[in-house]
Amino acid sequence: MSSTPSRPNHTLTIIATLFVLVWLVVAGFPFLWTTWGSFKVEADFFSRADWTNALSGVNTIRQTGDAFTLDGYEGAWIQNEFWRAGLNTAMVTVVVTLLSLVLGTLGGYALARSGYRYAFWILIIALVFRAMPHITLVSGYLVPFFELNIWGTLPTAIIVLVAINQPFTLWMLHSFFLSIPKDLDESAMVDGCTRFQAFREVIVPVMWPGIITTGLFSFLLAYNDFAVTAMLLRQENQTMIPKIASFLGSIESEGNVMFAVSSVVSATVPLFLLVMFFQRQIVGGLTAGAVKG
């Protein structure tokens, strides 16, 4: 009996396509609208009289002579030195990501290859630690940081963010290492490699998609953090997210809201470019972690 190929259900295809389009519009509209509004003045973008002012830019034309203006970006980046917050964010996120990956890769490999039961309990303790509110963890660091006179500096935020992020990297990299057969380690050691040489020269190259995926999530945690950086950093050492909040906290000053809008766009664009650049590695890493070999 010959089997005929099943025909695609055109109705389901149309519904799925419409759903994806609606989802893209709903997901992308807030950022696109914010990006558009960042080139307007506050009287247009937050107009209560007529929301179409944000489209036409009536007040923007009246105040600046053009329908678009860079006053929000100039005020944020130059007048309020948002560039300094961007530099602090870059330093914190890069160091946190590198330290988290180094410690998480070594720890995840050791736990994945360990035959002792304590490995399971270490992961459970890490999971409990990760589930705790960040504000609870930060409060425990304040007293020693004050006594050591290191509160307010970037290393304090880096230490706490690495501690908060480490359970996540341990769990994620541990699952990736479990998907790699132990035969690779054993074959390398039979050929004369030490355990660390086998890890560095054989396992790590296979693990690159998982390491990149974990590193991206670690980067996002440090990049988007507010609680830790707001409580542990002085105003001159603020990262971008607390700096944006400081603009919103002083809305009585004209233009500060538009500084915040422009800063939000400036802080979001690097994340969008980063995800687009590493999208293949992210998908590959998540797929590799889902299949146990």
C-alpha atoms as a PDB file:
ATOM      1  CA  MET A   1       0.000   0.000   0.000  1.00  0.00           C
ATOM      2  CA  SER A   2       1.592   3.249  -1.160  1.00  0.00           C
ATOM      3  CA  SER A   3       1.563   6.115   1.272  1.00  0.00           C
ATOM      4  CA  THR A   4       0.733   9.575   0.004  1.00  0.00           C
ATOM      5  CA  PRO A   5       2.622  12.531   1.439  1.00  0.00           C
ATOM      6  CA  SER A   6       0.547  14.587   3.832  1.00  0.00           C
ATOM      7  CA  ARG A   7      -0.432  18.017   2.585  1.00  0.00           C
ATOM      8  CA  PRO A   8       0.394  21.002   4.720  1.00  0.00           C
ATOM      9  CA  ASN A   9      -2.507  22.491   6.607  1.00  0.00           C
ATOM     10  CA  HIS A  10      -2.747  25.976   5.084  1.00  0.00           C
ATOM     11  CA  THR A  11      -5.061  27.219   7.821  1.00  0.00           C
ATOM     12  CA  LEU A  12      -2.584  26.327  10.554  1.00  0.00           C
ATOM     13  CA  THR A  13       0.241  27.876   8.537  1.00  0.00           C
ATOM     14  CA  ILE A  14      -1.653  31.144   8.179  1.00  0.00           C
ATOM     15  CA  ILE A  15      -2.587  31.190  11.887  1.00  0.00           C
ATOM     16  CA  ALA A  16       1.014  30.473  12.907  1.00  0.00           C
ATOM     17  CA  THR A  17       2.315  33.194  10.590  1.00  0.00           C
ATOM     18  CA  LEU A  18      -0.173  35.742  11.931  1.00  0.00           C
ATOM     19  CA  PHE A  19       0.697  34.781  15.498  1.00  0.00           C
ATOM     20  CA  VAL A  20       4.433  35.277  14.846  1.00  0.00           C
ATOM     21  CA  LEU A  21       3.805  38.652  13.183  1.00  0.00           C
ATOM     22  CA  VAL A  22       1.614  39.849  16.051  1.00  0.00           C
ATOM     23  CA  TRP A  23       4.193  38.639  18.565  1.00  0.00           C
ATOM     24  CA  LEU A  24       6.982  40.476  16.738  1.00  0.00           C
ATOM     25  CA  VAL A  25       4.963  43.691  16.695  1.00  0.00           C
ATOM     26  CA  VAL A  26       4.051  43.431  20.383  1.00  0.00           C
ATOM     27  CA  ALA A  27       7.617  42.540  21.380  1.00  0.00           C
ATOM     28  CA  GLY A  28       9.380  45.068  19.167  1.00  0.00           C
ATOM     29  CA  PHE A  29       7.011  48.035  19.450  1.00  0.00           C
ATOM     30  CA  PRO A  30       8.124  49.272  22.918  1.00  0.00           C
ATOM     31  CA  PHE A  31      11.770  49.460  21.886  1.00  0.00           C
ATOM     32  CA  LEU A  32      11.022  50.998  18.482  1.00  0.00           C
ATOM     33  CA  TRP A  33       8.703  53.557  20.075  1.00  0.00           C
ATOM     34  CA  THR A  34      11.297  54.403  22.731  1.00  0.00           C
ATOM     35  CA  THR A  35      13.995  54.750  20.075  1.00  0.00           C
ATOM     36  CA  TRP A  36      11.769  57.093  18.057  1.00  0.00           C
ATOM     37  CA  GLY A  37      10.900  59.112  21.159  1.00  0.00           C
ATOM     38  CA  SER A  38      14.528  59.504  22.177  1.00  0.00           C
ATOM     39  CA  PHE A  39      14.927  61.968  19.287  1.00  0.00           C
ATOM     40  CA  LYS A  40      12.050  64.156  20.525  1.00  0.00           C
ATOM     41  CA  VAL A  41      11.663  66.634  23.355  1.00  0.00           C
ATOM     42  CA  GLU A  42       9.777  65.789  26.516  1.00  0.00           C
ATOM     43  CA  ALA A  43       6.752  67.891  25.549  1.00  0.00           C
ATOM     44  CA  ASP A  44       6.212  65.704  22.479  1.00  0.00           C
ATOM     45  CA  PHE A  45       7.086  62.218  23.671  1.00  0.00           C
ATOM     46  CA  PHE A  46       5.128  62.580  26.929  1.00  0.00           C
ATOM     47  CA  SER A  47       2.372  64.803  25.538  1.00  0.00           C
ATOM     48  CA  ARG A  48      -0.923  64.423  27.396  1.00  0.00           C
ATOM     49  CA  ALA A  49      -2.843  66.659  25.014  1.00  0.00           C
ATOM     50  CA  ASP A  50      -2.215  64.679  21.824  1.00  0.00           C
ATOM     51  CA  TRP A  51      -0.149  61.487  21.538  1.00  0.00           C
ATOM     52  CA  THR A  52       0.440  62.164  17.833  1.00  0.00           C
ATOM     53  CA  ASN A  53       2.823  64.936  18.876  1.00  0.00           C
ATOM     54  CA  ALA A  54       5.365  62.166  19.414  1.00  0.00           C
ATOM     55  CA  LEU A  55       5.032  61.342  15.723  1.00  0.00           C
ATOM     56  CA  SER A  56       4.933  64.834  14.239  1.00  0.00           C
ATOM     57  CA  GLY A  57       7.340  66.459  16.695  1.00  0.00           C
ATOM     58  CA  VAL A  58       5.463  69.758  16.914  1.00  0.00           C
ATOM     59  CA  ASN A  59       7.198  70.940  20.071  1.00  0.00           C
ATOM     60  CA  THR A  60      10.531  69.504  18.938  1.00  0.00           C
ATOM     61  CA  ILE A  61      10.353  71.658  15.809  1.00  0.00           C
ATOM     62  CA  ARG A  62       9.359  74.679  17.892  1.00  0.00           C
ATOM     63  CA  GLN A  63      12.218  74.246  20.379  1.00  0.00           C
ATOM     64  CA  THR A  64      15.037  72.972  18.146  1.00  0.00           C
ATOM     65  CA  GLY A  65      14.005  73.890  14.614  1.00  0.00           C
ATOM     66  CA  ASP A  66      13.955  70.268  13.461  1.00  0.00           C
ATOM     67  CA  ALA A  67      11.638  67.262  13.868  1.00  0.00           C
ATOM     68  CA  PHE A  68      14.461  65.260  15.447  1.00  0.00           C
ATOM     69  CA  THR A  69      17.001  66.263  18.053  1.00  0.00           C
ATOM     70  CA  LEU A  70      20.007  64.746  19.808  1.00  0.00           C
ATOM     71  CA  ASP A  71      19.514  66.841  22.933  1.00  0.00           C
ATOM     72  CA  GLY A  72      18.576  63.787  24.991  1.00  0.00           C
ATOM     73  CA  TYR A  73      21.750  61.930  24.014  1.00  0.00           C
ATOM     74  CA  GLU A  74      23.929  65.010  24.457  1.00  0.00           C
ATOM     75  CA  GLY A  75      22.463  65.711  27.879  1.00  0.00           C
ATOM     76  CA  ALA A  76      22.888  62.110  29.032  1.00  0.00           C
ATOM     77  CA  TRP A  77      26.281  61.262  27.557  1.00  0.00           C
ATOM     78  CA  ILE A  78      28.067  64.610  27.831  1.00  0.00           C
ATOM     79  CA  GLN A  79      26.357  66.804  30.424  1.00  0.00           C
ATOM     80  CA  ASN A  80      25.658  63.958  32.877  1.00  0.00           C
ATOM     81  CA  GLU A  81      28.668  61.820  31.874  1.00  0.00           C
ATOM     82  CA  PHE A  82      26.744  58.698  30.966  1.00  0.00           C
ATOM     83  CA  TRP A  83      29.878  57.609  29.115  1.00  0.00           C
ATOM     84  CA  ARG A  84      31.502  57.042  32.502  1.00  0.00           C
ATOM     85  CA  ALA A  85      28.667  54.717  33.515  1.00  0.00           C
ATOM     86  CA  GLY A  86      29.068  52.890  30.208  1.00  0.00           C
ATOM     87  CA  LEU A  87      32.784  52.427  30.869  1.00  0.00           C
ATOM     88  CA  ASN A  88      32.087  51.159  34.389  1.00  0.00           C
ATOM     89  CA  THR A  89      29.504  48.738  33.014  1.00  0.00           C
ATOM     90  CA  ALA A  90      31.966  47.400  30.456  1.00  0.00           C
ATOM     91  CA  MET A  91      34.615  46.819  33.123  1.00  0.00           C
ATOM     92  CA  VAL A  92      32.210  45.122  35.540  1.00  0.00           C
ATOM     93  CA  THR A  93      30.521  42.889  32.972  1.00  0.00           C
ATOM     94  CA  VAL A  94      33.727  41.731  31.293  1.00  0.00           C
ATOM     95  CA  VAL A  95      35.480  40.872  34.574  1.00  0.00           C
ATOM     96  CA  VAL A  96      32.376  39.195  36.037  1.00  0.00           C
ATOM     97  CA  THR A  97      31.885  37.128  32.884  1.00  0.00           C
ATOM     98  CA  LEU A  98      35.516  36.000  32.725  1.00  0.00           C
ATOM     99  CA  LEU A  99      35.732  35.092  36.423  1.00  0.00           C
ATOM    100  CA  SER A 100      32.358  33.321  36.342  1.00  0.00           C
ATOM    101  CA  LEU A 101      33.385  31.268  33.306  1.00  0.00           C
ATOM    102  CA  VAL A 102      36.783  30.308  34.710  1.00  0.00           C
ATOM    103  CA  LEU A 103      35.399  29.235  38.086  1.00  0.00           C
ATOM    104  CA  GLY A 104      32.240  27.736  36.605  1.00  0.00           C
ATOM    105  CA  THR A 105      34.087  25.753  33.945  1.00  0.00           C
ATOM    106  CA  LEU A 106      36.553  24.250  36.417  1.00  0.00           C
ATOM    107  CA  GLY A 107      33.876  23.598  39.027  1.00  0.00           C
ATOM    108  CA  GLY A 108      31.330  22.239  36.554  1.00  0.00           C
ATOM    109  CA  TYR A 109      33.869  19.844  35.061  1.00  0.00           C
ATOM    110  CA  ALA A 110      34.992  18.644  38.485  1.00  0.00           C
ATOM    111  CA  LEU A 111      31.411  18.022  39.646  1.00  0.00           C
ATOM    112  CA  ALA A 112      30.429  16.331  36.384  1.00  0.00           C
ATOM    113  CA  ARG A 113      33.356  13.904  36.563  1.00  0.00           C
ATOM    114  CA  SER A 114      33.181  13.336  40.307  1.00  0.00           C
ATOM    115  CA  GLY A 115      31.808  10.028  41.483  1.00  0.00           C
ATOM    116  CA  TYR A 116      31.230  11.199  45.050  1.00  0.00           C
ATOM    117  CA  ARG A 117      27.813  12.016  46.441  1.00  0.00           C
ATOM    118  CA  TYR A 118      28.952  15.387  47.773  1.00  0.00           C
ATOM    119  CA  ALA A 119      28.878  16.714  44.203  1.00  0.00           C
ATOM    120  CA  PHE A 120      25.081  16.441  44.227  1.00  0.00           C
ATOM    121  CA  TRP A 121      24.775  18.296  47.539  1.00  0.00           C
ATOM    122  CA  ILE A 122      27.113  21.055  46.351  1.00  0.00           C
ATOM    123  CA  LEU A 123      24.813  21.630  43.388  1.00  0.00           C
ATOM    124  CA  ILE A 124      21.754  21.652  45.641  1.00  0.00           C
ATOM    125  CA  ILE A 125      23.361  24.215  47.967  1.00  0.00           C
ATOM    126  CA  ALA A 126      24.295  26.305  44.919  1.00  0.00           C
ATOM    127  CA  LEU A 127      20.700  26.147  43.704  1.00  0.00           C
ATOM    128  CA  VAL A 128      19.390  27.335  47.091  1.00  0.00           C
ATOM    129  CA  PHE A 129      21.957  30.142  47.096  1.00  0.00           C
ATOM    130  CA  ARG A 130      20.884  31.165  43.586  1.00  0.00           C
ATOM    131  CA  ALA A 131      17.212  31.256  44.596  1.00  0.00           C
ATOM    132  CA  MET A 132      17.837  33.751  47.404  1.00  0.00           C
ATOM    133  CA  PRO A 133      16.918  37.400  46.705  1.00  0.00           C
ATOM    134  CA  HIS A 134      19.918  39.448  45.656  1.00  0.00           C
ATOM    135  CA  ILE A 135      19.157  42.126  48.226  1.00  0.00           C
ATOM    136  CA  THR A 136      19.549  39.523  50.988  1.00  0.00           C
ATOM    137  CA  LEU A 137      23.001  38.562  49.745  1.00  0.00           C
ATOM    138  CA  VAL A 138      24.133  42.148  49.318  1.00  0.00           C
ATOM    139  CA  SER A 139      23.321  43.030  52.917  1.00  0.00           C
ATOM    140  CA  GLY A 140      25.706  40.335  54.145  1.00  0.00           C
ATOM    141  CA  TYR A 141      28.618  41.939  52.308  1.00  0.00           C
ATOM    142  CA  LEU A 142      28.070  45.506  53.500  1.00  0.00           C
ATOM    143  CA  VAL A 143      29.689  45.218  56.946  1.00  0.00           C
ATOM    144  CA  PRO A 144      32.997  43.630  55.796  1.00  0.00           C
ATOM    145  CA  PHE A 145      33.183  46.045  52.853  1.00  0.00           C
ATOM    146  CA  PHE A 146      32.747  49.021  55.196  1.00  0.00           C
ATOM    147  CA  GLU A 147      35.328  47.649  57.641  1.00  0.00           C
ATOM    148  CA  LEU A 148      37.845  47.047  54.854  1.00  0.00           C
ATOM    149  CA  ASN A 149      37.074  50.498  53.420  1.00  0.00           C
ATOM    150  CA  ILE A 150      36.403  49.118  49.937  1.00  0.00           C
ATOM    151  CA  TRP A 151      32.691  49.959  49.685  1.00  0.00           C
ATOM    152  CA  GLY A 152      31.736  51.978  46.623  1.00  0.00           C
ATOM    153  CA  THR A 153      34.450  50.680  44.308  1.00  0.00           C
ATOM    154  CA  LEU A 154      34.006  48.468  41.250  1.00  0.00           C
ATOM    155  CA  PRO A 155      35.754  45.397  42.768  1.00  0.00           C
ATOM    156  CA  THR A 156      33.081  45.193  45.477  1.00  0.00           C
ATOM    157  CA  ALA A 157      30.310  44.894  42.887  1.00  0.00           C
ATOM    158  CA  ILE A 158      32.387  42.405  40.882  1.00  0.00           C
ATOM    159  CA  ILE A 159      32.919  40.158  43.932  1.00  0.00           C
ATOM    160  CA  VAL A 160      29.218  40.058  44.792  1.00  0.00           C
ATOM    161  CA  LEU A 161      28.055  39.576  41.194  1.00  0.00           C
ATOM    162  CA  VAL A 162      30.466  36.674  40.701  1.00  0.00           C
ATOM    163  CA  ALA A 163      29.211  35.096  43.937  1.00  0.00           C
ATOM    164  CA  ILE A 164      25.587  35.502  42.836  1.00  0.00           C
ATOM    165  CA  ASN A 165      26.285  34.274  39.314  1.00  0.00           C
ATOM    166  CA  GLN A 166      28.435  31.274  40.230  1.00  0.00           C
ATOM    167  CA  PRO A 167      25.611  28.831  41.088  1.00  0.00           C
ATOM    168  CA  PHE A 168      24.036  29.461  37.689  1.00  0.00           C
ATOM    169  CA  THR A 169      27.279  28.881  35.796  1.00  0.00           C
ATOM    170  CA  LEU A 170      27.966  25.740  37.840  1.00  0.00           C
ATOM    171  CA  TRP A 171      24.582  24.231  37.048  1.00  0.00           C
ATOM    172  CA  MET A 172      24.629  25.170  33.377  1.00  0.00           C
ATOM    173  CA  LEU A 173      28.197  24.092  32.651  1.00  0.00           C
ATOM    174  CA  HIS A 174      27.758  20.954  34.757  1.00  0.00           C
ATOM    175  CA  SER A 175      24.889  19.900  32.470  1.00  0.00           C
ATOM    176  CA  PHE A 176      27.017  20.583  29.390  1.00  0.00           C
ATOM    177  CA  PHE A 177      29.900  18.503  30.731  1.00  0.00           C
ATOM    178  CA  LEU A 178      27.521  15.628  31.461  1.00  0.00           C
ATOM    179  CA  SER A 179      26.601  15.593  27.761  1.00  0.00           C
ATOM    180  CA  ILE A 180      30.264  14.925  26.827  1.00  0.00           C
ATOM    181  CA  PRO A 181      31.246  11.224  27.070  1.00  0.00           C
ATOM    182  CA  LYS A 182      33.900  10.397  29.637  1.00  0.00           C
ATOM    183  CA  ASP A 183      35.620   8.357  26.933  1.00  0.00           C
ATOM    184  CA  LEU A 184      37.159  11.557  25.594  1.00  0.00           C
ATOM    185  CA  ASP A 185      38.883  12.247  28.908  1.00  0.00           C
ATOM    186  CA  GLU A 186      40.031   8.657  29.281  1.00  0.00           C
ATOM    187  CA  SER A 187      41.339   8.436  25.700  1.00  0.00           C
ATOM    188  CA  ALA A 188      43.335  11.639  26.146  1.00  0.00           C
ATOM    189  CA  MET A 189      44.851  10.408  29.426  1.00  0.00           C
ATOM    190  CA  VAL A 190      45.692   7.057  27.832  1.00  0.00           C
ATOM    191  CA  ASP A 191      47.614   9.017  25.201  1.00  0.00           C
ATOM    192  CA  GLY A 192      49.686  10.645  27.937  1.00  0.00           C
ATOM    193  CA  CYS A 193      47.714  13.750  28.891  1.00  0.00           C
ATOM    194  CA  THR A 194      47.206  14.742  32.486  1.00  0.00           C
ATOM    195  CA  ARG A 195      43.684  15.369  33.736  1.00  0.00           C
ATOM    196  CA  PHE A 196      44.091  19.125  33.273  1.00  0.00           C
ATOM    197  CA  GLN A 197      45.637  18.716  29.807  1.00  0.00           C
ATOM    198  CA  ALA A 198      42.721  16.523  28.776  1.00  0.00           C
ATOM    199  CA  PHE A 199      40.329  19.140  30.096  1.00  0.00           C
ATOM    200  CA  ARG A 200      42.080  22.037  28.386  1.00  0.00           C
ATOM    201  CA  GLU A 201      42.975  20.483  25.028  1.00  0.00           C
ATOM    202  CA  VAL A 202      40.146  18.004  24.462  1.00  0.00           C
ATOM    203  CA  ILE A 203      37.066  18.889  26.503  1.00  0.00           C
ATOM    204  CA  VAL A 204      37.111  22.694  26.346  1.00  0.00           C
ATOM    205  CA  PRO A 205      37.215  22.853  22.502  1.00  0.00           C
ATOM    206  CA  VAL A 206      34.154  20.599  22.402  1.00  0.00           C
ATOM    207  CA  MET A 207      32.484  22.759  25.042  1.00  0.00           C
ATOM    208  CA  TRP A 208      32.851  26.120  23.285  1.00  0.00           C
ATOM    209  CA  PRO A 209      29.155  26.491  22.331  1.00  0.00           C
ATOM    210  CA  GLY A 210      28.117  25.804  25.921  1.00  0.00           C
ATOM    211  CA  ILE A 211      30.780  28.144  27.318  1.00  0.00           C
ATOM    212  CA  ILE A 212      29.713  30.966  25.001  1.00  0.00           C
ATOM    213  CA  THR A 213      26.052  30.454  25.893  1.00  0.00           C
ATOM    214  CA  THR A 214      26.798  30.462  29.618  1.00  0.00           C
ATOM    215  CA  GLY A 215      29.081  33.471  29.217  1.00  0.00           C
ATOM    216  CA  LEU A 216      26.342  35.417  27.458  1.00  0.00           C
ATOM    217  CA  PHE A 217      23.875  34.767  30.270  1.00  0.00           C
ATOM    218  CA  SER A 218      26.528  35.745  32.818  1.00  0.00           C
ATOM    219  CA  PHE A 219      27.158  38.920  30.869  1.00  0.00           C
ATOM    220  CA  LEU A 220      23.445  39.757  30.829  1.00  0.00           C
ATOM    221  CA  LEU A 221      23.153  39.216  34.592  1.00  0.00           C
ATOM    222  CA  ALA A 222      25.960  41.644  35.322  1.00  0.00           C
ATOM    223  CA  TYR A 223      24.896  44.095  32.602  1.00  0.00           C
ATOM    224  CA  ASN A 224      21.269  44.359  33.747  1.00  0.00           C
ATOM    225  CA  ASP A 225      21.877  44.229  37.502  1.00  0.00           C
ATOM    226  CA  PHE A 226      20.396  47.013  39.588  1.00  0.00           C
ATOM    227  CA  ALA A 227      20.202  45.862  43.221  1.00  0.00           C
ATOM    228  CA  VAL A 228      23.894  45.034  43.662  1.00  0.00           C
ATOM    229  CA  THR A 229      25.369  47.959  41.755  1.00  0.00           C
ATOM    230  CA  ALA A 230      22.937  50.494  43.242  1.00  0.00           C
ATOM    231  CA  MET A 231      23.793  49.490  46.823  1.00  0.00           C
ATOM    232  CA  LEU A 232      27.527  48.853  46.496  1.00  0.00           C
ATOM    233  CA  LEU A 233      28.748  51.619  44.171  1.00  0.00           C
ATOM    234  CA  ARG A 234      29.274  55.320  44.759  1.00  0.00           C
ATOM    235  CA  GLN A 235      27.637  57.759  42.387  1.00  0.00           C
ATOM    236  CA  GLU A 236      30.846  58.325  40.423  1.00  0.00           C
ATOM    237  CA  ASN A 237      31.249  54.552  39.972  1.00  0.00           C
ATOM    238  CA  GLN A 238      27.679  53.815  38.938  1.00  0.00           C
ATOM    239  CA  THR A 239      26.945  51.454  36.079  1.00  0.00           C
ATOM    240  CA  MET A 240      24.358  52.249  33.421  1.00  0.00           C
ATOM    241  CA  ILE A 241      21.224  50.797  35.033  1.00  0.00           C
ATOM    242  CA  PRO A 242      21.506  52.727  38.341  1.00  0.00           C
ATOM    243  CA  LYS A 243      22.471  55.808  36.339  1.00  0.00           C
ATOM    244  CA  ILE A 244      19.266  55.552  34.307  1.00  0.00           C
ATOM    245  CA  ALA A 245      17.302  55.191  37.546  1.00  0.00           C
ATOM    246  CA  SER A 246      18.952  58.367  38.863  1.00  0.00           C
ATOM    247  CA  PHE A 247      17.609  60.264  35.831  1.00  0.00           C
ATOM    248  CA  LEU A 248      14.101  59.007  36.560  1.00  0.00           C
ATOM    249  CA  GLY A 249      14.489  59.887  40.229  1.00  0.00           C
ATOM    250  CA  SER A 250      14.956  63.566  39.424  1.00  0.00           C
ATOM    251  CA  ILE A 251      12.113  64.196  36.994  1.00  0.00           C
ATOM    252  CA  GLU A 252      11.453  67.652  38.447  1.00  0.00           C
ATOM    253  CA  SER A 253      14.391  68.894  36.352  1.00  0.00           C
ATOM    254  CA  GLU A 254      13.303  69.475  32.765  1.00  0.00           C
ATOM    255  CA  GLY A 255      14.931  67.123  30.288  1.00  0.00           C
ATOM    256  CA  ASN A 256      15.982  64.440  32.764  1.00  0.00           C
ATOM    257  CA  VAL A 257      13.236  62.096  31.566  1.00  0.00           C
ATOM    258  CA  MET A 258      14.541  62.364  28.001  1.00  0.00           C
ATOM    259  CA  PHE A 259      18.047  61.706  29.331  1.00  0.00           C
ATOM    260  CA  ALA A 260      16.666  58.460  30.753  1.00  0.00           C
ATOM    261  CA  VAL A 261      14.928  57.576  27.473  1.00  0.00           C
ATOM    262  CA  SER A 262      18.092  58.178  25.467  1.00  0.00           C
ATOM    263  CA  SER A 263      20.127  56.186  27.990  1.00  0.00           C
ATOM    264  CA  VAL A 264      17.719  53.249  27.786  1.00  0.00           C
ATOM    265  CA  VAL A 265      18.159  53.117  24.013  1.00  0.00           C
ATOM    266  CA  SER A 266      21.930  53.433  24.361  1.00  0.00           C
ATOM    267  CA  ALA A 267      22.032  50.593  26.885  1.00  0.00           C
ATOM    268  CA  THR A 268      19.765  48.300  24.846  1.00  0.00           C
ATOM    269  CA  VAL A 269      21.482  48.530  21.466  1.00  0.00           C
ATOM    270  CA  PRO A 270      24.695  46.706  22.589  1.00  0.00           C
ATOM    271  CA  LEU A 271      22.602  43.833  23.943  1.00  0.00           C
ATOM    272  CA  PHE A 272      20.729  43.526  20.656  1.00  0.00           C
ATOM    273  CA  LEU A 273      23.986  43.484  18.660  1.00  0.00           C
ATOM    274  CA  LEU A 274      25.550  40.973  21.061  1.00  0.00           C
ATOM    275  CA  VAL A 275      22.663  38.511  20.766  1.00  0.00           C
ATOM    276  CA  MET A 276      22.559  38.878  16.979  1.00  0.00           C
ATOM    277  CA  PHE A 277      26.306  38.248  16.733  1.00  0.00           C
ATOM    278  CA  PHE A 278      26.269  35.147  18.959  1.00  0.00           C
ATOM    279  CA  GLN A 279      22.897  33.730  17.922  1.00  0.00           C
ATOM    280  CA  ARG A 280      24.401  30.649  16.252  1.00  0.00           C
ATOM    281  CA  GLN A 281      26.554  29.837  19.275  1.00  0.00           C
ATOM    282  CA  ILE A 282      23.596  30.359  21.629  1.00  0.00           C
ATOM    283  CA  VAL A 283      21.359  27.961  19.699  1.00  0.00           C
ATOM    284  CA  GLY A 284      24.196  25.467  19.335  1.00  0.00           C
ATOM    285  CA  GLY A 285      25.040  25.649  23.027  1.00  0.00           C
ATOM    286  CA  LEU A 286      21.454  25.194  24.179  1.00  0.00           C
ATOM    287  CA  THR A 287      20.975  22.297  21.765  1.00  0.00           C
ATOM    288  CA  ALA A 288      24.202  20.608  22.891  1.00  0.00           C
ATOM    289  CA  GLY A 289      23.171  20.905  26.525  1.00  0.00           C
ATOM    290  CA  ALA A 290      19.814  19.286  25.806  1.00  0.00           C
ATOM    291  CA  VAL A 291      21.296  16.079  24.383  1.00  0.00           C
ATOM    292  CA  LYS A 292      23.244  13.739  26.611  1.00  0.00           C
ATOM    293  CA  GLY A 293      25.821  11.820  24.607  1.00  0.00           C
END
